[in-house]
Amino acid sequence: MSNITPYTQALYESLTEASPRLHGRVIKNFVQQIQKDKLVSKSEDIVESFKQTISQQSDQIIVNIITTEPLGDISALSTTITAKIHKPVTIKTEVNPEIIGGMIVVIGDYKIDMSVKSRLLKVKTKEDKAKIELPEYVIDTLKIIMKNI
């Protein structure tokens, strides 16, 4: 089954990165690739491998940190967060100079925008948004990121 693992991992990553409206296209492209690579006979193994991939990833927290400059080595940050919240963490980084400064941190379904751009826009439009209560693991993750970046 190991020769199909890269396929199922790629499918999982493609589906998690794509918006839900594109999932049909992602799956169609995946099936076409499987046909092209003559792996249709391994369909049951592929489905089983995909189920294993989902199971392994389901407890994992994805943290996306957007900054104006590259962060460098974040392995210690990932280890520290994992130890604090007791869940596996994958940190992805992205550089976006349009945020001017600060950072945007996306943890699962939560987006915490601490960018200079958003603060300037809030001052400009004087918007007051209702505060939402964040889960403890999100708060702990943010504290660790702020201490280490």
Protein backbone atom coordinates (compact mmCIF):
# COMPACT_ATOMS: atom_id res chain seq x y z
CA MET A 1 0.00 0.00 0.00
CA SER A 2 2.99 2.32 0.45
CA ASN A 3 3.23 3.15 -3.26
CA ILE A 4 -0.26 4.71 -3.11
CA THR A 5 0.29 6.68 0.10
CA PRO A 6 1.70 9.72 -1.76
CA TYR A 7 -1.47 9.77 -3.87
CA THR A 8 -3.81 9.72 -0.89
CA GLN A 9 -1.70 12.27 0.98
CA ALA A 10 -1.79 14.56 -2.07
CA LEU A 11 -5.56 14.14 -2.32
CA TYR A 12 -6.00 14.97 1.36
CA GLU A 13 -3.80 18.08 1.09
CA SER A 14 -5.56 19.22 -2.09
CA LEU A 15 -8.97 18.86 -0.48
CA THR A 16 -7.98 20.69 2.69
CA GLU A 17 -6.42 23.57 0.76
CA ALA A 18 -9.24 23.92 -1.80
CA SER A 19 -12.52 25.65 -1.05
CA PRO A 20 -15.44 23.23 -0.69
CA ARG A 21 -16.91 24.32 -4.01
CA LEU A 22 -13.77 23.00 -5.74
CA HIS A 23 -13.78 19.58 -4.07
CA GLY A 24 -15.58 17.95 -7.01
CA ARG A 25 -12.90 19.17 -9.40
CA VAL A 26 -10.11 18.02 -7.08
CA ILE A 27 -11.60 14.52 -6.88
CA LYS A 28 -12.17 14.40 -10.65
CA ASN A 29 -8.51 15.35 -11.25
CA PHE A 30 -7.42 12.73 -8.71
CA VAL A 31 -9.42 9.98 -10.44
CA GLN A 32 -8.01 11.01 -13.81
CA GLN A 33 -4.48 10.82 -12.40
CA ILE A 34 -5.17 7.35 -10.96
CA GLN A 35 -6.43 6.22 -14.37
CA LYS A 36 -3.43 7.77 -16.12
CA ASP A 37 -1.02 6.04 -13.72
CA LYS A 38 -2.86 2.72 -14.21
CA LEU A 39 -3.79 2.35 -10.54
CA VAL A 40 -7.53 1.76 -10.97
CA SER A 41 -7.06 -1.86 -9.86
CA LYS A 42 -5.86 -0.52 -6.49
CA SER A 43 -9.01 1.55 -5.88
CA GLU A 44 -9.94 -0.30 -2.69
CA ASP A 45 -6.41 0.15 -1.32
CA ILE A 46 -6.53 3.84 -2.23
CA VAL A 47 -9.83 4.31 -0.40
CA GLU A 48 -8.45 2.49 2.66
CA SER A 49 -5.26 4.55 2.60
CA PHE A 50 -7.29 7.75 2.30
CA LYS A 51 -9.38 6.74 5.33
CA GLN A 52 -6.17 6.19 7.30
CA THR A 53 -4.86 9.60 6.22
CA ILE A 54 -8.08 11.29 7.36
CA SER A 55 -7.96 9.44 10.66
CA GLN A 56 -4.36 10.49 11.29
CA GLN A 57 -5.03 14.11 10.38
CA SER A 58 -8.40 14.58 12.08
CA ASP A 59 -6.95 15.43 15.50
CA GLN A 60 -4.28 17.68 14.05
CA ILE A 61 -4.48 21.45 14.41
CA ILE A 62 -3.41 23.48 11.37
CA VAL A 63 -1.92 26.89 12.20
CA ASN A 64 -1.32 29.31 9.36
CA ILE A 65 0.80 32.36 10.17
CA ILE A 66 0.82 35.22 7.68
CA THR A 67 3.55 37.83 8.08
CA THR A 68 5.26 40.45 5.95
CA GLU A 69 8.60 38.61 6.05
CA PRO A 70 9.61 34.92 6.23
CA LEU A 71 9.68 33.49 9.76
CA GLY A 72 12.60 31.09 9.35
CA ASP A 73 12.75 27.85 11.34
CA ILE A 74 9.46 27.22 13.14
CA SER A 75 10.08 23.66 14.32
CA ALA A 76 10.60 24.73 17.96
CA LEU A 77 7.40 26.77 17.80
CA SER A 78 5.46 23.73 16.56
CA THR A 79 6.93 21.55 19.32
CA THR A 80 6.10 24.11 22.02
CA ILE A 81 2.50 24.52 20.86
CA THR A 82 2.00 20.74 20.60
CA ALA A 83 3.30 20.29 24.15
CA LYS A 84 1.03 23.04 25.50
CA ILE A 85 -2.27 22.08 23.82
CA HIS A 86 -1.65 18.31 23.70
CA LYS A 87 -2.63 18.01 20.05
CA PRO A 88 -0.43 17.58 16.99
CA VAL A 89 0.18 20.90 15.25
CA THR A 90 1.22 21.69 11.72
CA ILE A 91 2.38 25.25 11.13
CA LYS A 92 2.23 26.76 7.69
CA THR A 93 3.70 30.16 6.98
CA GLU A 94 2.87 32.64 4.29
CA VAL A 95 4.40 35.97 3.35
CA ASN A 96 2.03 38.77 2.40
CA PRO A 97 3.52 42.29 2.34
CA GLU A 98 0.02 43.77 1.90
CA ILE A 99 -0.69 43.33 5.63
CA ILE A 100 1.96 46.07 6.23
CA GLY A 101 3.11 44.63 9.57
CA GLY A 102 2.04 42.42 12.43
CA MET A 103 0.54 39.05 11.56
CA ILE A 104 -2.59 37.12 10.82
CA VAL A 105 -2.93 33.76 12.57
CA VAL A 106 -5.46 31.20 11.40
CA ILE A 107 -6.00 28.32 13.82
CA GLY A 108 -8.53 25.85 12.50
CA ASP A 109 -11.71 27.87 11.92
CA TYR A 110 -10.47 30.90 13.87
CA LYS A 111 -8.78 33.88 12.22
CA ILE A 112 -7.02 36.36 14.46
CA ASP A 113 -6.00 39.42 12.48
CA MET A 114 -3.28 41.40 14.27
CA SER A 115 -2.03 43.07 11.11
CA VAL A 116 -1.30 46.76 10.81
CA LYS A 117 -3.54 46.90 7.75
CA SER A 118 -6.60 45.65 9.66
CA ARG A 119 -5.92 48.04 12.54
CA LEU A 120 -5.69 50.96 10.13
CA LEU A 121 -8.94 49.91 8.47
CA LYS A 122 -10.67 49.67 11.87
CA VAL A 123 -9.53 53.18 12.77
CA LYS A 124 -10.58 54.48 9.38
CA THR A 125 -14.06 52.96 9.45
CA LYS A 126 -14.42 53.02 13.26
CA GLU A 127 -16.00 49.60 13.22
CA ASP A 128 -16.73 47.94 16.51
CA LYS A 129 -17.12 44.22 16.15
CA ALA A 130 -18.58 42.05 18.85
CA LYS A 131 -15.88 40.11 20.62
CA ILE A 132 -16.02 36.37 20.30
CA GLU A 133 -14.85 33.94 22.91
CA LEU A 134 -11.98 31.81 21.67
CA PRO A 135 -11.32 28.24 22.82
CA GLU A 136 -8.47 27.81 25.29
CA TYR A 137 -6.25 25.97 22.78
CA VAL A 138 -6.51 28.91 20.38
CA ILE A 139 -5.55 31.38 23.13
CA ASP A 140 -2.64 29.17 24.26
CA THR A 141 -1.41 28.82 20.68
CA LEU A 142 -1.55 32.60 20.15
CA LYS A 143 0.39 33.26 23.37
CA ILE A 144 3.17 30.88 22.30
CA ILE A 145 3.35 32.40 18.82
CA MET A 146 3.56 35.93 20.24
CA LYS A 147 6.38 34.93 22.63
CA ASN A 148 8.40 33.15 19.95
CA ILE A 149 8.07 35.41 16.94
